[in-house]
Amino acid sequence: MIEKTVFTVESIYREPLDVKAFCFGDTSQKTLCIMGAMRGNEVQQMYVCSRLVEELKKLEVHGAVAKDKGIMIIPCANYYSMNIGKRFWAMDNTDINRMFPGYNLGETTQRIADGIFSEIQGYEYGIQLASFYQPGRFLTHVKHMVTEFTSDDGLSDFGLPYAVRRTPRPYDTTTLNYNWQLWNTKAYSLFTQSTDDLREKATEEAVQSVLRFMKNRGIISYPVHSGYITSIIDESDMIPVYSPCGGICRITVKTGDIVEKGQPVAEILNPLTCEIVSEITAPEKSVVFFHIASPLIVEGTVIFKLVRNKI
């Protein structure tokens, strides 16, 4: 393993922000880059990367990393914000993952994005440990943006139950995933089941999925479980279920559950009397992919995202 600093931001009042990378295999080869936390609350994403560093150190010692492949892992790019519990850049509340490919004469987050991207572009594969835009509970899944540069090749190699195709919107064009693709990197975003808290089971699921991808792509030799037969779905095909009113939301199912049409899945309670104001039922037979975590909701909130069960 080789440790190196890929980018540094000097500070008047704090120690410099050194973005660290850990490299394995043939460092002259750009085979796979894994990008961790870019936001200050992405503790789980950083932890998954650190666990991968731990695993790859062992594999490299035993000669299980292919000699003609190179792997780089960047666990965290924004521990300034992480240290003070802010999701976005501490000084101006901007999001590094909305600044790619970056600009070396721009604002701080633009310069960070530029410094990182200049190091990680050109890799054959890129995996970003991303956080879900909507707080809640969801199934671990891999996602890529559907552009003229992508195909579904590689999505099934993670061995996760679901892989999601997302049609990019204008604001997606400044993300790492999209810009990796513009520079001919096969890019994937891996979403684990939490962000600002550690879940060992979800961490292990994510670590094993990345190791499974590396094994299937010939980057490592490792006896990993083959995983699931992946269902590839379009994000637009998910069924959203909205709250008809505000109140306390009591979820009565879990992610991964198969629910029947008409089955009760949640209750909206009057926050002062605990009376059931509304009962939420499944619109059709489906799998619970996502449900909201916040107990207090307003009218029109997306409570669930469901995947049609075609069986």
C-alpha atoms as a PDB file:
ATOM      1  CA  MET A   1       0.000   0.000   0.000  1.00  0.00           C
ATOM      2  CA  ILE A   2       1.140   3.520  -0.816  1.00  0.00           C
ATOM      3  CA  GLU A   3      -0.366   6.520   1.001  1.00  0.00           C
ATOM      4  CA  LYS A   4      -0.255   9.897  -0.709  1.00  0.00           C
ATOM      5  CA  THR A   5      -1.816  13.350  -0.545  1.00  0.00           C
ATOM      6  CA  VAL A   6      -3.758  14.126  -3.713  1.00  0.00           C
ATOM      7  CA  PHE A   7      -4.718  17.707  -2.831  1.00  0.00           C
ATOM      8  CA  THR A   8      -4.103  20.238  -0.047  1.00  0.00           C
ATOM      9  CA  VAL A   9      -6.089  23.299   1.028  1.00  0.00           C
ATOM     10  CA  GLU A  10      -4.181  25.743   3.210  1.00  0.00           C
ATOM     11  CA  SER A  11      -6.023  27.459   6.066  1.00  0.00           C
ATOM     12  CA  ILE A  12      -5.243  30.492   8.220  1.00  0.00           C
ATOM     13  CA  TYR A  13      -6.960  29.182  11.344  1.00  0.00           C
ATOM     14  CA  ARG A  14      -6.780  25.396  11.005  1.00  0.00           C
ATOM     15  CA  GLU A  15      -4.335  22.762   9.902  1.00  0.00           C
ATOM     16  CA  PRO A  16      -4.262  22.218   6.124  1.00  0.00           C
ATOM     17  CA  LEU A  17      -6.947  20.013   4.622  1.00  0.00           C
ATOM     18  CA  ASP A  18      -4.936  17.122   3.168  1.00  0.00           C
ATOM     19  CA  VAL A  19      -7.004  14.839   0.967  1.00  0.00           C
ATOM     20  CA  LYS A  20      -5.397  11.414   1.444  1.00  0.00           C
ATOM     21  CA  ALA A  21      -5.437   8.490  -0.971  1.00  0.00           C
ATOM     22  CA  PHE A  22      -4.397   4.863  -0.488  1.00  0.00           C
ATOM     23  CA  CYS A  23      -3.083   3.011  -3.530  1.00  0.00           C
ATOM     24  CA  PHE A  24      -2.783  -0.722  -4.156  1.00  0.00           C
ATOM     25  CA  GLY A  25      -1.371  -2.868  -6.931  1.00  0.00           C
ATOM     26  CA  ASP A  26       0.419  -1.292  -9.890  1.00  0.00           C
ATOM     27  CA  THR A  27       0.164   2.454  -9.224  1.00  0.00           C
ATOM     28  CA  SER A  28       1.022   3.210 -12.866  1.00  0.00           C
ATOM     29  CA  GLN A  29      -2.301   1.628 -13.891  1.00  0.00           C
ATOM     30  CA  LYS A  30      -5.589   3.492 -13.470  1.00  0.00           C
ATOM     31  CA  THR A  31      -8.016   0.620 -13.057  1.00  0.00           C
ATOM     32  CA  LEU A  32     -10.372   1.478 -10.187  1.00  0.00           C
ATOM     33  CA  CYS A  33     -10.853   4.588  -8.064  1.00  0.00           C
ATOM     34  CA  ILE A  34     -13.148   4.551  -5.027  1.00  0.00           C
ATOM     35  CA  MET A  35     -14.300   7.939  -3.710  1.00  0.00           C
ATOM     36  CA  GLY A  36     -15.682   8.255  -0.190  1.00  0.00           C
ATOM     37  CA  ALA A  37     -17.134  11.121   1.830  1.00  0.00           C
ATOM     38  CA  MET A  38     -17.381  14.515   0.144  1.00  0.00           C
ATOM     39  CA  ARG A  39     -19.967  15.791   2.606  1.00  0.00           C
ATOM     40  CA  GLY A  40     -19.484  16.373   6.290  1.00  0.00           C
ATOM     41  CA  ASN A  41     -22.155  13.944   7.452  1.00  0.00           C
ATOM     42  CA  GLU A  42     -21.083  11.010   5.258  1.00  0.00           C
ATOM     43  CA  VAL A  43     -19.541   9.068   8.119  1.00  0.00           C
ATOM     44  CA  GLN A  44     -20.812   5.694   6.890  1.00  0.00           C
ATOM     45  CA  GLN A  45     -19.344   6.351   3.430  1.00  0.00           C
ATOM     46  CA  MET A  46     -15.932   7.146   4.921  1.00  0.00           C
ATOM     47  CA  TYR A  47     -16.152   4.050   7.118  1.00  0.00           C
ATOM     48  CA  VAL A  48     -16.889   1.765   4.165  1.00  0.00           C
ATOM     49  CA  CYS A  49     -13.779   3.119   2.416  1.00  0.00           C
ATOM     50  CA  SER A  50     -11.620   2.642   5.497  1.00  0.00           C
ATOM     51  CA  ARG A  51     -12.839  -0.953   5.737  1.00  0.00           C
ATOM     52  CA  LEU A  52     -11.913  -1.459   2.087  1.00  0.00           C
ATOM     53  CA  VAL A  53      -8.436  -0.091   2.813  1.00  0.00           C
ATOM     54  CA  GLU A  54      -8.181  -2.615   5.645  1.00  0.00           C
ATOM     55  CA  GLU A  55      -9.274  -5.507   3.402  1.00  0.00           C
ATOM     56  CA  LEU A  56      -7.052  -4.558   0.462  1.00  0.00           C
ATOM     57  CA  LYS A  57      -3.986  -4.304   2.701  1.00  0.00           C
ATOM     58  CA  LYS A  58      -4.535  -7.957   3.649  1.00  0.00           C
ATOM     59  CA  LEU A  59      -5.217  -9.013   0.068  1.00  0.00           C
ATOM     60  CA  GLU A  60      -2.119  -7.249  -1.235  1.00  0.00           C
ATOM     61  CA  VAL A  61       0.070  -8.973   1.345  1.00  0.00           C
ATOM     62  CA  HIS A  62      -1.240 -12.341   0.124  1.00  0.00           C
ATOM     63  CA  GLY A  63      -0.735 -11.441  -3.544  1.00  0.00           C
ATOM     64  CA  ALA A  64      -4.474 -11.312  -4.279  1.00  0.00           C
ATOM     65  CA  VAL A  65      -4.351  -7.940  -6.077  1.00  0.00           C
ATOM     66  CA  ALA A  66      -3.685  -8.376  -9.799  1.00  0.00           C
ATOM     67  CA  LYS A  67      -0.173  -7.213 -10.669  1.00  0.00           C
ATOM     68  CA  ASP A  68      -1.322  -5.251 -13.720  1.00  0.00           C
ATOM     69  CA  LYS A  69      -4.189  -3.431 -11.947  1.00  0.00           C
ATOM     70  CA  GLY A  70      -4.123  -0.237  -9.906  1.00  0.00           C
ATOM     71  CA  ILE A  71      -6.608   0.751  -7.178  1.00  0.00           C
ATOM     72  CA  MET A  72      -6.945   4.126  -5.448  1.00  0.00           C
ATOM     73  CA  ILE A  73      -9.217   4.788  -2.445  1.00  0.00           C
ATOM     74  CA  ILE A  74      -9.952   8.306  -1.124  1.00  0.00           C
ATOM     75  CA  PRO A  75     -11.933   7.808   2.111  1.00  0.00           C
ATOM     76  CA  CYS A  76     -12.718  11.478   2.830  1.00  0.00           C
ATOM     77  CA  ALA A  77     -12.419  14.796   1.011  1.00  0.00           C
ATOM     78  CA  ASN A  78     -14.153  17.071   3.517  1.00  0.00           C
ATOM     79  CA  TYR A  79     -13.207  16.412   7.112  1.00  0.00           C
ATOM     80  CA  TYR A  80     -13.258  20.180   7.771  1.00  0.00           C
ATOM     81  CA  SER A  81     -17.071  20.003   7.677  1.00  0.00           C
ATOM     82  CA  MET A  82     -17.133  16.550   9.278  1.00  0.00           C
ATOM     83  CA  ASN A  83     -15.259  17.848  12.324  1.00  0.00           C
ATOM     84  CA  ILE A  84     -17.988  20.402  13.058  1.00  0.00           C
ATOM     85  CA  GLY A  85     -21.005  18.321  12.002  1.00  0.00           C
ATOM     86  CA  LYS A  86     -21.985  20.239   8.852  1.00  0.00           C
ATOM     87  CA  ARG A  87     -23.120  18.454   5.682  1.00  0.00           C
ATOM     88  CA  PHE A  88     -21.704  21.008   3.243  1.00  0.00           C
ATOM     89  CA  TRP A  89     -18.522  23.092   3.121  1.00  0.00           C
ATOM     90  CA  ALA A  90     -18.228  24.852   6.456  1.00  0.00           C
ATOM     91  CA  MET A  91     -17.399  28.347   5.138  1.00  0.00           C
ATOM     92  CA  ASP A  92     -20.065  28.936   2.469  1.00  0.00           C
ATOM     93  CA  ASN A  93     -22.386  25.878   2.650  1.00  0.00           C
ATOM     94  CA  THR A  94     -21.562  24.741  -0.893  1.00  0.00           C
ATOM     95  CA  ASP A  95     -21.542  21.090  -1.959  1.00  0.00           C
ATOM     96  CA  ILE A  96     -18.283  19.660  -3.356  1.00  0.00           C
ATOM     97  CA  ASN A  97     -20.282  17.056  -5.291  1.00  0.00           C
ATOM     98  CA  ARG A  98     -21.971  19.854  -7.240  1.00  0.00           C
ATOM     99  CA  MET A  99     -18.672  21.429  -8.336  1.00  0.00           C
ATOM    100  CA  PHE A 100     -17.177  18.923 -10.789  1.00  0.00           C
ATOM    101  CA  PRO A 101     -15.076  18.942 -12.882  1.00  0.00           C
ATOM    102  CA  GLY A 102     -13.918  21.905 -10.787  1.00  0.00           C
ATOM    103  CA  TYR A 103     -12.064  25.140 -11.447  1.00  0.00           C
ATOM    104  CA  ASN A 104      -8.591  25.765 -10.044  1.00  0.00           C
ATOM    105  CA  LEU A 105      -9.116  29.548  -9.815  1.00  0.00           C
ATOM    106  CA  GLY A 106     -12.649  29.390  -8.390  1.00  0.00           C
ATOM    107  CA  GLU A 107     -14.193  29.146  -4.947  1.00  0.00           C
ATOM    108  CA  THR A 108     -12.718  26.732  -2.413  1.00  0.00           C
ATOM    109  CA  THR A 109     -15.056  23.842  -3.215  1.00  0.00           C
ATOM    110  CA  GLN A 110     -14.433  24.345  -6.953  1.00  0.00           C
ATOM    111  CA  ARG A 111     -10.677  24.147  -6.308  1.00  0.00           C
ATOM    112  CA  ILE A 112     -11.093  21.019  -4.163  1.00  0.00           C
ATOM    113  CA  ALA A 113     -13.155  19.377  -6.916  1.00  0.00           C
ATOM    114  CA  ASP A 114     -10.558  20.358  -9.519  1.00  0.00           C
ATOM    115  CA  GLY A 115      -7.670  19.066  -7.400  1.00  0.00           C
ATOM    116  CA  ILE A 116      -9.370  15.736  -6.774  1.00  0.00           C
ATOM    117  CA  PHE A 117     -10.647  15.288 -10.317  1.00  0.00           C
ATOM    118  CA  SER A 118      -7.253  15.944 -11.864  1.00  0.00           C
ATOM    119  CA  GLU A 119      -6.012  12.917  -9.880  1.00  0.00           C
ATOM    120  CA  ILE A 120      -8.925  10.541 -10.378  1.00  0.00           C
ATOM    121  CA  GLN A 121      -9.919  11.107 -13.994  1.00  0.00           C
ATOM    122  CA  GLY A 122      -8.724   8.527 -16.479  1.00  0.00           C
ATOM    123  CA  TYR A 123      -9.566   5.486 -14.350  1.00  0.00           C
ATOM    124  CA  GLU A 124     -11.302   2.634 -16.121  1.00  0.00           C
ATOM    125  CA  TYR A 125     -13.840   2.265 -13.282  1.00  0.00           C
ATOM    126  CA  GLY A 126     -15.012   4.685 -10.617  1.00  0.00           C
ATOM    127  CA  ILE A 127     -17.147   3.939  -7.559  1.00  0.00           C
ATOM    128  CA  GLN A 128     -18.500   6.766  -5.424  1.00  0.00           C
ATOM    129  CA  LEU A 129     -19.833   6.019  -1.943  1.00  0.00           C
ATOM    130  CA  ALA A 130     -22.727   8.454  -2.093  1.00  0.00           C
ATOM    131  CA  SER A 131     -25.442   9.512   0.348  1.00  0.00           C
ATOM    132  CA  PHE A 132     -29.141   9.412  -0.510  1.00  0.00           C
ATOM    133  CA  TYR A 133     -30.609  12.863  -1.182  1.00  0.00           C
ATOM    134  CA  GLN A 134     -33.692  12.098   0.920  1.00  0.00           C
ATOM    135  CA  PRO A 135     -33.216  11.142   4.603  1.00  0.00           C
ATOM    136  CA  GLY A 136     -34.694   7.759   5.398  1.00  0.00           C
ATOM    137  CA  ARG A 137     -34.200   4.014   5.181  1.00  0.00           C
ATOM    138  CA  PHE A 138     -33.537   2.328   1.846  1.00  0.00           C
ATOM    139  CA  LEU A 139     -32.062  -0.820   0.369  1.00  0.00           C
ATOM    140  CA  THR A 140     -28.348  -0.852  -0.392  1.00  0.00           C
ATOM    141  CA  HIS A 141     -28.101  -0.363  -4.144  1.00  0.00           C
ATOM    142  CA  VAL A 142     -25.845   0.763  -6.967  1.00  0.00           C
ATOM    143  CA  LYS A 143     -26.827   3.509  -9.380  1.00  0.00           C
ATOM    144  CA  HIS A 144     -25.519   5.042 -12.555  1.00  0.00           C
ATOM    145  CA  MET A 145     -26.626   7.917 -14.741  1.00  0.00           C
ATOM    146  CA  VAL A 146     -27.944   7.021 -18.157  1.00  0.00           C
ATOM    147  CA  THR A 147     -26.021   8.998 -20.766  1.00  0.00           C
ATOM    148  CA  GLU A 148     -24.616   8.382 -24.223  1.00  0.00           C
ATOM    149  CA  PHE A 149     -21.412   7.265 -22.498  1.00  0.00           C
ATOM    150  CA  THR A 150     -22.871   4.490 -20.337  1.00  0.00           C
ATOM    151  CA  SER A 151     -24.280   1.004 -20.559  1.00  0.00           C
ATOM    152  CA  ASP A 152     -25.605  -1.411 -17.944  1.00  0.00           C
ATOM    153  CA  ASP A 153     -22.298  -3.289 -18.115  1.00  0.00           C
ATOM    154  CA  GLY A 154     -20.952  -3.827 -14.604  1.00  0.00           C
ATOM    155  CA  LEU A 155     -24.133  -3.076 -12.652  1.00  0.00           C
ATOM    156  CA  SER A 156     -24.744  -6.759 -11.931  1.00  0.00           C
ATOM    157  CA  ASP A 157     -21.142  -7.344 -10.828  1.00  0.00           C
ATOM    158  CA  PHE A 158     -21.890  -5.819  -7.416  1.00  0.00           C
ATOM    159  CA  GLY A 159     -24.339  -8.651  -6.704  1.00  0.00           C
ATOM    160  CA  LEU A 160     -26.854  -6.363  -4.973  1.00  0.00           C
ATOM    161  CA  PRO A 161     -30.624  -6.942  -5.183  1.00  0.00           C
ATOM    162  CA  TYR A 162     -31.200  -3.738  -7.167  1.00  0.00           C
ATOM    163  CA  ALA A 163     -29.293  -1.524  -9.574  1.00  0.00           C
ATOM    164  CA  VAL A 164     -30.921   1.783 -10.506  1.00  0.00           C
ATOM    165  CA  ARG A 165     -30.629   3.747 -13.735  1.00  0.00           C
ATOM    166  CA  ARG A 166     -31.101   7.486 -13.337  1.00  0.00           C
ATOM    167  CA  THR A 167     -31.808   9.881 -16.190  1.00  0.00           C
ATOM    168  CA  PRO A 168     -29.707  12.947 -15.300  1.00  0.00           C
ATOM    169  CA  ARG A 169     -31.308  16.314 -14.655  1.00  0.00           C
ATOM    170  CA  PRO A 170     -29.490  19.610 -15.306  1.00  0.00           C
ATOM    171  CA  TYR A 171     -28.127  19.798 -11.738  1.00  0.00           C
ATOM    172  CA  ASP A 172     -26.625  16.307 -12.102  1.00  0.00           C
ATOM    173  CA  THR A 173     -24.152  17.516 -14.739  1.00  0.00           C
ATOM    174  CA  THR A 174     -21.844  18.916 -12.039  1.00  0.00           C
ATOM    175  CA  THR A 175     -21.620  15.676 -10.039  1.00  0.00           C
ATOM    176  CA  LEU A 176     -18.622  13.360  -9.914  1.00  0.00           C
ATOM    177  CA  ASN A 177     -20.537  10.429 -11.432  1.00  0.00           C
ATOM    178  CA  TYR A 178     -21.575  12.411 -14.511  1.00  0.00           C
ATOM    179  CA  ASN A 179     -18.164  13.995 -15.098  1.00  0.00           C
ATOM    180  CA  TRP A 180     -16.347  10.703 -14.633  1.00  0.00           C
ATOM    181  CA  GLN A 181     -18.437   9.414 -17.525  1.00  0.00           C
ATOM    182  CA  LEU A 182     -17.567  12.411 -19.705  1.00  0.00           C
ATOM    183  CA  TRP A 183     -13.909  11.426 -19.291  1.00  0.00           C
ATOM    184  CA  ASN A 184     -14.619   7.778 -20.247  1.00  0.00           C
ATOM    185  CA  THR A 185     -14.718   6.265 -16.749  1.00  0.00           C
ATOM    186  CA  LYS A 186     -17.406   3.644 -16.101  1.00  0.00           C
ATOM    187  CA  ALA A 187     -18.904   5.300 -13.034  1.00  0.00           C
ATOM    188  CA  TYR A 188     -21.148   3.849 -10.332  1.00  0.00           C
ATOM    189  CA  SER A 189     -22.650   5.362  -7.185  1.00  0.00           C
ATOM    190  CA  LEU A 190     -23.035   2.952  -4.270  1.00  0.00           C
ATOM    191  CA  PHE A 191     -25.664   3.864  -1.667  1.00  0.00           C
ATOM    192  CA  THR A 192     -25.482   2.231   1.749  1.00  0.00           C
ATOM    193  CA  GLN A 193     -28.337   2.212   4.250  1.00  0.00           C
ATOM    194  CA  SER A 194     -27.195   5.132   6.375  1.00  0.00           C
ATOM    195  CA  THR A 195     -25.122   8.304   6.283  1.00  0.00           C
ATOM    196  CA  ASP A 196     -24.318   9.885   9.637  1.00  0.00           C
ATOM    197  CA  ASP A 197     -24.410   6.729  11.758  1.00  0.00           C
ATOM    198  CA  LEU A 198     -22.475   3.476  11.508  1.00  0.00           C
ATOM    199  CA  ARG A 199     -24.280   0.245  10.692  1.00  0.00           C
ATOM    200  CA  GLU A 200     -22.009  -2.743  10.683  1.00  0.00           C
ATOM    201  CA  LYS A 201     -24.338  -4.996   8.708  1.00  0.00           C
ATOM    202  CA  ALA A 202     -24.826  -2.351   6.000  1.00  0.00           C
ATOM    203  CA  THR A 203     -21.090  -1.630   5.988  1.00  0.00           C
ATOM    204  CA  GLU A 204     -20.242  -5.284   5.455  1.00  0.00           C
ATOM    205  CA  GLU A 205     -22.834  -5.519   2.678  1.00  0.00           C
ATOM    206  CA  ALA A 206     -21.247  -2.532   0.893  1.00  0.00           C
ATOM    207  CA  VAL A 207     -17.672  -3.787   1.392  1.00  0.00           C
ATOM    208  CA  GLN A 208     -18.531  -7.228   0.056  1.00  0.00           C
ATOM    209  CA  SER A 209     -20.318  -5.721  -2.966  1.00  0.00           C
ATOM    210  CA  VAL A 210     -17.226  -3.690  -3.915  1.00  0.00           C
ATOM    211  CA  LEU A 211     -14.926  -6.692  -3.426  1.00  0.00           C
ATOM    212  CA  ARG A 212     -17.359  -8.735  -5.534  1.00  0.00           C
ATOM    213  CA  PHE A 213     -17.169  -6.104  -8.298  1.00  0.00           C
ATOM    214  CA  MET A 214     -13.361  -6.169  -8.174  1.00  0.00           C
ATOM    215  CA  LYS A 215     -13.316  -9.973  -8.337  1.00  0.00           C
ATOM    216  CA  ASN A 216     -15.751 -10.062 -11.271  1.00  0.00           C
ATOM    217  CA  ARG A 217     -13.650  -7.477 -13.114  1.00  0.00           C
ATOM    218  CA  GLY A 218     -10.397  -9.382 -12.563  1.00  0.00           C
ATOM    219  CA  ILE A 219      -8.881  -6.765 -10.252  1.00  0.00           C
ATOM    220  CA  ILE A 220      -8.502  -9.097  -7.262  1.00  0.00           C
ATOM    221  CA  SER A 221      -8.693 -12.833  -6.634  1.00  0.00           C
ATOM    222  CA  TYR A 222     -10.856 -13.316  -3.571  1.00  0.00           C
ATOM    223  CA  PRO A 223     -13.401 -16.010  -2.593  1.00  0.00           C
ATOM    224  CA  VAL A 224     -16.385 -13.692  -2.149  1.00  0.00           C
ATOM    225  CA  HIS A 225     -20.022 -14.816  -2.141  1.00  0.00           C
ATOM    226  CA  SER A 226     -21.647 -14.382  -5.560  1.00  0.00           C
ATOM    227  CA  GLY A 227     -24.477 -12.268  -4.145  1.00  0.00           C
ATOM    228  CA  TYR A 228     -27.898 -11.681  -5.671  1.00  0.00           C
ATOM    229  CA  ILE A 229     -29.169 -11.836  -9.222  1.00  0.00           C
ATOM    230  CA  THR A 230     -29.505  -8.089  -9.720  1.00  0.00           C
ATOM    231  CA  SER A 231     -32.742  -6.492 -10.899  1.00  0.00           C
ATOM    232  CA  ILE A 232     -31.925  -3.416 -12.991  1.00  0.00           C
ATOM    233  CA  ILE A 233     -34.672  -0.794 -12.720  1.00  0.00           C
ATOM    234  CA  ASP A 234     -35.224   2.787 -13.823  1.00  0.00           C
ATOM    235  CA  GLU A 235     -35.550   5.374 -11.066  1.00  0.00           C
ATOM    236  CA  SER A 236     -38.585   6.839 -12.849  1.00  0.00           C
ATOM    237  CA  ASP A 237     -40.386   3.491 -12.584  1.00  0.00           C
ATOM    238  CA  MET A 238     -40.472   3.528  -8.791  1.00  0.00           C
ATOM    239  CA  ILE A 239     -43.877   4.130  -7.235  1.00  0.00           C
ATOM    240  CA  PRO A 240     -43.906   7.156  -4.895  1.00  0.00           C
ATOM    241  CA  VAL A 241     -46.406   7.161  -2.040  1.00  0.00           C
ATOM    242  CA  TYR A 242     -47.251  10.620  -0.675  1.00  0.00           C
ATOM    243  CA  SER A 243     -48.640  11.711   2.663  1.00  0.00           C
ATOM    244  CA  PRO A 244     -52.210  13.039   2.337  1.00  0.00           C
ATOM    245  CA  CYS A 245     -51.777  15.188   5.444  1.00  0.00           C
ATOM    246  CA  GLY A 246     -49.290  16.256   8.093  1.00  0.00           C
ATOM    247  CA  GLY A 247     -48.691  14.683  11.485  1.00  0.00           C
ATOM    248  CA  ILE A 248     -46.663  11.913  13.119  1.00  0.00           C
ATOM    249  CA  CYS A 249     -45.817   9.166  10.640  1.00  0.00           C
ATOM    250  CA  ARG A 250     -45.692   5.631  12.031  1.00  0.00           C
ATOM    251  CA  ILE A 251     -44.167   3.179   9.533  1.00  0.00           C
ATOM    252  CA  THR A 252     -45.405  -0.402   9.902  1.00  0.00           C
ATOM    253  CA  VAL A 253     -43.188  -2.178   7.332  1.00  0.00           C
ATOM    254  CA  LYS A 254     -39.435  -2.455   6.660  1.00  0.00           C
ATOM    255  CA  THR A 255     -37.315  -1.927   3.588  1.00  0.00           C
ATOM    256  CA  GLY A 256     -37.140  -5.119   1.571  1.00  0.00           C
ATOM    257  CA  ASP A 257     -40.636  -6.221   2.620  1.00  0.00           C
ATOM    258  CA  ILE A 258     -43.004  -7.425  -0.114  1.00  0.00           C
ATOM    259  CA  VAL A 259     -46.372  -5.728   0.376  1.00  0.00           C
ATOM    260  CA  GLU A 260     -49.694  -6.605  -1.219  1.00  0.00           C
ATOM    261  CA  LYS A 261     -52.093  -4.176  -2.874  1.00  0.00           C
ATOM    262  CA  GLY A 262     -54.192  -2.509  -0.181  1.00  0.00           C
ATOM    263  CA  GLN A 263     -51.913  -3.626   2.672  1.00  0.00           C
ATOM    264  CA  PRO A 264     -51.503  -0.973   5.419  1.00  0.00           C
ATOM    265  CA  VAL A 265     -47.905   0.298   5.416  1.00  0.00           C
ATOM    266  CA  ALA A 266     -48.079   3.449   7.567  1.00  0.00           C
ATOM    267  CA  GLU A 267     -50.315   5.571   9.769  1.00  0.00           C
ATOM    268  CA  ILE A 268     -50.497   9.348  10.108  1.00  0.00           C
ATOM    269  CA  LEU A 269     -51.319  10.334  13.684  1.00  0.00           C
ATOM    270  CA  ASN A 270     -52.616  13.550  15.166  1.00  0.00           C
ATOM    271  CA  PRO A 271     -49.514  14.769  17.086  1.00  0.00           C
ATOM    272  CA  LEU A 272     -51.633  16.051  20.007  1.00  0.00           C
ATOM    273  CA  THR A 273     -54.183  13.260  20.471  1.00  0.00           C
ATOM    274  CA  CYS A 274     -52.528  10.241  18.762  1.00  0.00           C
ATOM    275  CA  GLU A 275     -55.708   9.622  16.777  1.00  0.00           C
ATOM    276  CA  ILE A 276     -55.171   7.964  13.399  1.00  0.00           C
ATOM    277  CA  VAL A 277     -55.794  10.721  10.854  1.00  0.00           C
ATOM    278  CA  SER A 278     -54.972   8.630   7.800  1.00  0.00           C
ATOM    279  CA  GLU A 279     -53.968   5.066   7.002  1.00  0.00           C
ATOM    280  CA  ILE A 280     -51.517   4.617   4.120  1.00  0.00           C
ATOM    281  CA  THR A 281     -51.876   1.468   2.007  1.00  0.00           C
ATOM    282  CA  ALA A 282     -49.768  -0.017  -0.790  1.00  0.00           C
ATOM    283  CA  PRO A 283     -51.130   0.910  -4.236  1.00  0.00           C
ATOM    284  CA  GLU A 284     -50.065  -2.434  -5.712  1.00  0.00           C
ATOM    285  CA  LYS A 285     -47.960  -5.513  -4.972  1.00  0.00           C
ATOM    286  CA  SER A 286     -44.427  -4.200  -4.594  1.00  0.00           C
ATOM    287  CA  VAL A 287     -41.170  -4.182  -2.631  1.00  0.00           C
ATOM    288  CA  VAL A 288     -40.426  -1.425  -0.109  1.00  0.00           C
ATOM    289  CA  PHE A 289     -37.300   0.236  -1.515  1.00  0.00           C
ATOM    290  CA  PHE A 290     -37.350   3.406   0.620  1.00  0.00           C
ATOM    291  CA  HIS A 291     -39.284   4.840   3.510  1.00  0.00           C
ATOM    292  CA  ILE A 292     -38.921   8.144   5.303  1.00  0.00           C
ATOM    293  CA  ALA A 293     -37.222   8.196   8.705  1.00  0.00           C
ATOM    294  CA  SER A 294     -38.437  11.503  10.116  1.00  0.00           C
ATOM    295  CA  PRO A 295     -41.443  10.992  12.417  1.00  0.00           C
ATOM    296  CA  LEU A 296     -42.890  14.459  11.725  1.00  0.00           C
ATOM    297  CA  ILE A 297     -44.077  15.046   8.170  1.00  0.00           C
ATOM    298  CA  VAL A 298     -46.084  17.584   6.207  1.00  0.00           C
ATOM    299  CA  GLU A 299     -48.710  17.040   3.522  1.00  0.00           C
ATOM    300  CA  GLY A 300     -47.261  15.889   0.197  1.00  0.00           C
ATOM    301  CA  THR A 301     -44.151  14.261   1.704  1.00  0.00           C
ATOM    302  CA  VAL A 302     -42.831  11.189  -0.123  1.00  0.00           C
ATOM    303  CA  ILE A 303     -43.235   8.491   2.538  1.00  0.00           C
ATOM    304  CA  PHE A 304     -42.320   5.468   0.395  1.00  0.00           C
ATOM    305  CA  LYS A 305     -40.723   4.528  -2.862  1.00  0.00           C
ATOM    306  CA  LEU A 306     -41.828   1.103  -4.011  1.00  0.00           C
ATOM    307  CA  VAL A 307     -40.518  -1.252  -6.679  1.00  0.00           C
ATOM    308  CA  ARG A 308     -43.150  -3.196  -8.604  1.00  0.00           C
ATOM    309  CA  ASN A 309     -43.028  -6.892  -7.796  1.00  0.00           C
ATOM    310  CA  LYS A 310     -43.393  -8.629 -11.148  1.00  0.00           C
ATOM    311  CA  ILE A 311     -43.640 -12.136  -9.710  1.00  0.00           C
END
